[in-house]
C-alpha atoms as a PDB file:
ATOM      1  CA  MET A   1      -1.308 -16.176 -51.884  1.00  0.00           C
ATOM      2  CA  SER A   2       2.277 -15.418 -50.877  1.00  0.00           C
ATOM      3  CA  THR A   3       1.096 -12.246 -49.091  1.00  0.00           C
ATOM      4  CA  ILE A   4      -1.215 -14.312 -46.891  1.00  0.00           C
ATOM      5  CA  ILE A   5       1.619 -16.699 -46.045  1.00  0.00           C
ATOM      6  CA  ARG A   6       3.922 -13.785 -45.174  1.00  0.00           C
ATOM      7  CA  ILE A   7       1.262 -12.177 -42.944  1.00  0.00           C
ATOM      8  CA  GLY A   8       0.652 -15.525 -41.218  1.00  0.00           C
ATOM      9  CA  ALA A   9       4.370 -16.094 -40.669  1.00  0.00           C
ATOM     10  CA  CYS A  10       4.759 -12.572 -39.312  1.00  0.00           C
ATOM     11  CA  ALA A  11       1.832 -13.063 -36.893  1.00  0.00           C
ATOM     12  CA  ILE A  12       3.306 -16.346 -35.640  1.00  0.00           C
ATOM     13  CA  GLY A  13       6.697 -14.687 -35.131  1.00  0.00           C
ATOM     14  CA  ILE A  14       5.198 -11.790 -33.156  1.00  0.00           C
ATOM     15  CA  ALA A  15       3.092 -14.145 -31.024  1.00  0.00           C
ATOM     16  CA  SER A  16       6.091 -16.302 -30.158  1.00  0.00           C
ATOM     17  CA  LEU A  17       8.157 -13.218 -29.300  1.00  0.00           C
ATOM     18  CA  ILE A  18       5.461 -11.964 -26.933  1.00  0.00           C
ATOM     19  CA  ALA A  19       4.987 -15.386 -25.340  1.00  0.00           C
ATOM     20  CA  THR A  20       8.678 -15.895 -24.638  1.00  0.00           C
ATOM     21  CA  SER A  21       9.476 -12.372 -23.483  1.00  0.00           C
ATOM     22  CA  GLY A  22       6.706 -11.990 -20.845  1.00  0.00           C
ATOM     23  CA  PRO A  23       7.814 -14.285 -17.999  1.00  0.00           C
ATOM     24  CA  ALA A  24      11.492 -13.502 -18.456  1.00  0.00           C
ATOM     25  CA  LEU A  25      10.826  -9.810 -17.773  1.00  0.00           C
ATOM     26  CA  ALA A  26       8.993 -10.212 -14.457  1.00  0.00           C
ATOM     27  CA  MET A  27      10.001 -11.610 -11.090  1.00  0.00           C
ATOM     28  CA  THR A  28       7.568 -12.402  -8.283  1.00  0.00           C
ATOM     29  CA  THR A  29       8.841 -12.076  -4.750  1.00  0.00           C
ATOM     30  CA  THR A  30       7.134 -12.711  -1.428  1.00  0.00           C
ATOM     31  CA  ALA A  31       7.846 -10.452   1.513  1.00  0.00           C
ATOM     32  CA  CYS A  32       6.518 -10.682   5.061  1.00  0.00           C
ATOM     33  CA  LYS A  33       6.213  -8.283   7.986  1.00  0.00           C
ATOM     34  CA  ASN A  34       6.408  -9.001  11.707  1.00  0.00           C
ATOM     35  CA  PRO A  35       3.392 -10.926  13.072  1.00  0.00           C
ATOM     36  CA  VAL A  36       0.258  -9.090  14.156  1.00  0.00           C
ATOM     37  CA  GLU A  37      -1.604 -10.437  17.203  1.00  0.00           C
ATOM     38  CA  VAL A  38      -5.154  -9.507  18.141  1.00  0.00           C
ATOM     39  CA  GLY A  39      -7.692 -10.592  20.719  1.00  0.00           C
ATOM     40  CA  GLY A  40     -11.329 -10.961  19.835  1.00  0.00           C
ATOM     41  CA  GLY A  41     -14.538 -10.377  21.718  1.00  0.00           C
ATOM     42  CA  ILE A  42     -16.820 -12.893  23.380  1.00  0.00           C
ATOM     43  CA  LEU A  43     -19.085 -14.585  20.857  1.00  0.00           C
ATOM     44  CA  PRO A  44     -21.580 -17.495  21.010  1.00  0.00           C
ATOM     45  CA  GLY A  45     -19.315 -20.124  19.435  1.00  0.00           C
ATOM     46  CA  GLU A  46     -15.797 -20.804  18.152  1.00  0.00           C
ATOM     47  CA  PRO A  47     -16.569 -20.217  14.432  1.00  0.00           C
ATOM     48  CA  GLN A  48     -17.969 -16.764  15.210  1.00  0.00           C
ATOM     49  CA  ALA A  49     -15.090 -15.958  17.568  1.00  0.00           C
ATOM     50  CA  LYS A  50     -12.522 -16.960  14.915  1.00  0.00           C
ATOM     51  CA  SER A  51     -14.296 -14.900  12.275  1.00  0.00           C
ATOM     52  CA  TYR A  52     -14.344 -11.896  14.596  1.00  0.00           C
ATOM     53  CA  ALA A  53     -10.641 -12.296  15.430  1.00  0.00           C
ATOM     54  CA  LYS A  54      -9.855 -12.540  11.708  1.00  0.00           C
ATOM     55  CA  SER A  55     -11.693  -9.278  10.967  1.00  0.00           C
ATOM     56  CA  LYS A  56      -9.843  -7.604  13.867  1.00  0.00           C
ATOM     57  CA  TRP A  57      -6.531  -8.914  12.444  1.00  0.00           C
ATOM     58  CA  VAL A  58      -7.327  -7.394   9.044  1.00  0.00           C
ATOM     59  CA  GLN A  59      -8.158  -4.034  10.668  1.00  0.00           C
ATOM     60  CA  ALA A  60      -5.056  -4.027  12.885  1.00  0.00           C
ATOM     61  CA  THR A  61      -2.782  -5.052  10.016  1.00  0.00           C
ATOM     62  CA  LYS A  62      -4.223  -2.348   7.765  1.00  0.00           C
ATOM     63  CA  ILE A  63      -3.558   0.261  10.449  1.00  0.00           C
ATOM     64  CA  LYS A  64      -0.035  -0.983  11.226  1.00  0.00           C
ATOM     65  CA  TYR A  65       1.286  -1.818   7.738  1.00  0.00           C
ATOM     66  CA  GLY A  66      -1.254  -0.586   5.165  1.00  0.00           C
ATOM     67  CA  ALA A  67      -3.988  -2.210   3.069  1.00  0.00           C
ATOM     68  CA  PHE A  68      -1.552  -4.183   0.863  1.00  0.00           C
ATOM     69  CA  TRP A  69      -0.493  -6.291   3.860  1.00  0.00           C
ATOM     70  CA  ALA A  70      -4.003  -6.871   5.265  1.00  0.00           C
ATOM     71  CA  ASN A  71      -4.753  -9.875   3.023  1.00  0.00           C
ATOM     72  CA  TYR A  72      -5.453 -12.780   5.396  1.00  0.00           C
ATOM     73  CA  SER A  73      -5.240 -15.401   2.644  1.00  0.00           C
ATOM     74  CA  MET A  74      -1.598 -14.394   2.009  1.00  0.00           C
ATOM     75  CA  ALA A  75      -0.629 -14.404   5.707  1.00  0.00           C
ATOM     76  CA  LYS A  76       1.767 -17.022   7.078  1.00  0.00           C
ATOM     77  CA  SER A  77       2.053 -18.664  10.512  1.00  0.00           C
ATOM     78  CA  LYS A  78      -1.657 -18.272  11.300  1.00  0.00           C
ATOM     79  CA  HIS A  79      -2.432 -19.403  14.826  1.00  0.00           C
ATOM     80  CA  TYR A  80      -5.708 -19.182  16.745  1.00  0.00           C
ATOM     81  CA  THR A  81      -5.967 -19.658  20.513  1.00  0.00           C
ATOM     82  CA  CYS A  82      -9.580 -20.041  21.567  1.00  0.00           C
ATOM     83  CA  LYS A  83     -11.133 -20.652  24.949  1.00  0.00           C
ATOM     84  CA  LYS A  84     -14.589 -20.865  26.431  1.00  0.00           C
ATOM     85  CA  VAL A  85     -15.416 -18.082  28.820  1.00  0.00           C
ATOM     86  CA  LYS A  86     -18.533 -16.986  30.622  1.00  0.00           C
ATOM     87  CA  GLY A  87     -20.973 -15.927  27.922  1.00  0.00           C
ATOM     88  CA  GLY A  88     -19.324 -17.726  24.964  1.00  0.00           C
ATOM     89  CA  THR A  89     -15.964 -18.170  23.294  1.00  0.00           C
ATOM     90  CA  THR A  90     -13.074 -15.801  22.698  1.00  0.00           C
ATOM     91  CA  CYS A  91     -10.182 -16.258  20.265  1.00  0.00           C
ATOM     92  CA  LYS A  92      -6.791 -14.647  19.807  1.00  0.00           C
ATOM     93  CA  LEU A  93      -5.159 -14.678  16.401  1.00  0.00           C
ATOM     94  CA  SER A  94      -1.524 -14.259  15.495  1.00  0.00           C
ATOM     95  CA  ALA A  95      -0.495 -14.172  11.831  1.00  0.00           C
ATOM     96  CA  GLN A  96       2.386 -12.822   9.771  1.00  0.00           C
ATOM     97  CA  PRO A  97       1.234 -10.486   6.984  1.00  0.00           C
ATOM     98  CA  CYS A  98       2.818 -11.333   3.631  1.00  0.00           C
ATOM     99  CA  GLY A  99       2.438 -10.034   0.096  1.00  0.00           C
ATOM    100  CA  GLN A 100       3.651 -10.800  -3.380  1.00  0.00           C
ATOM    101  CA  ALA A 101       5.076  -8.189  -5.669  1.00  0.00           C
ATOM    102  CA  THR A 102       5.860  -8.535  -9.342  1.00  0.00           C
ATOM    103  CA  ARG A 103       8.676  -6.398 -10.607  1.00  0.00           C
ATOM    104  CA  ARG A 104      10.585  -6.129 -13.807  1.00  0.00           C
ATOM    105  CA  SER A 105      13.998  -7.633 -14.116  1.00  0.00           C
ATOM    106  CA  THR A 106      16.799  -5.132 -13.533  1.00  0.00           C
ATOM    107  CA  SER A 107      18.378  -6.178 -16.833  1.00  0.00           C
ATOM    108  CA  ASP A 108      15.522  -4.383 -18.628  1.00  0.00           C
ATOM    109  CA  TYR A 109      16.396  -0.915 -17.289  1.00  0.00           C
END
């Protein structure tokens, strides 16, 4: 019986060590690049024009900064400018590509 208690106590100790050491070892930082601005094509309506501009932003950002930065959901300062033109709607999009990186604390090296 005492062996089972010792094994249980050891497992609890290891679990608590793992749980407390994880977050203290990692830091998450957010970094942003300069804004990317794109113009879209002429599409039937504003939702389609915005969607097209968004896909162009992702492509342009990937080319300029790399795939890591081309995540629209992480971008800051998103701004659409749409207008009706002959044949439909066109939108421009300006957004600042941002990304989060997790790195280990320098005290661990």
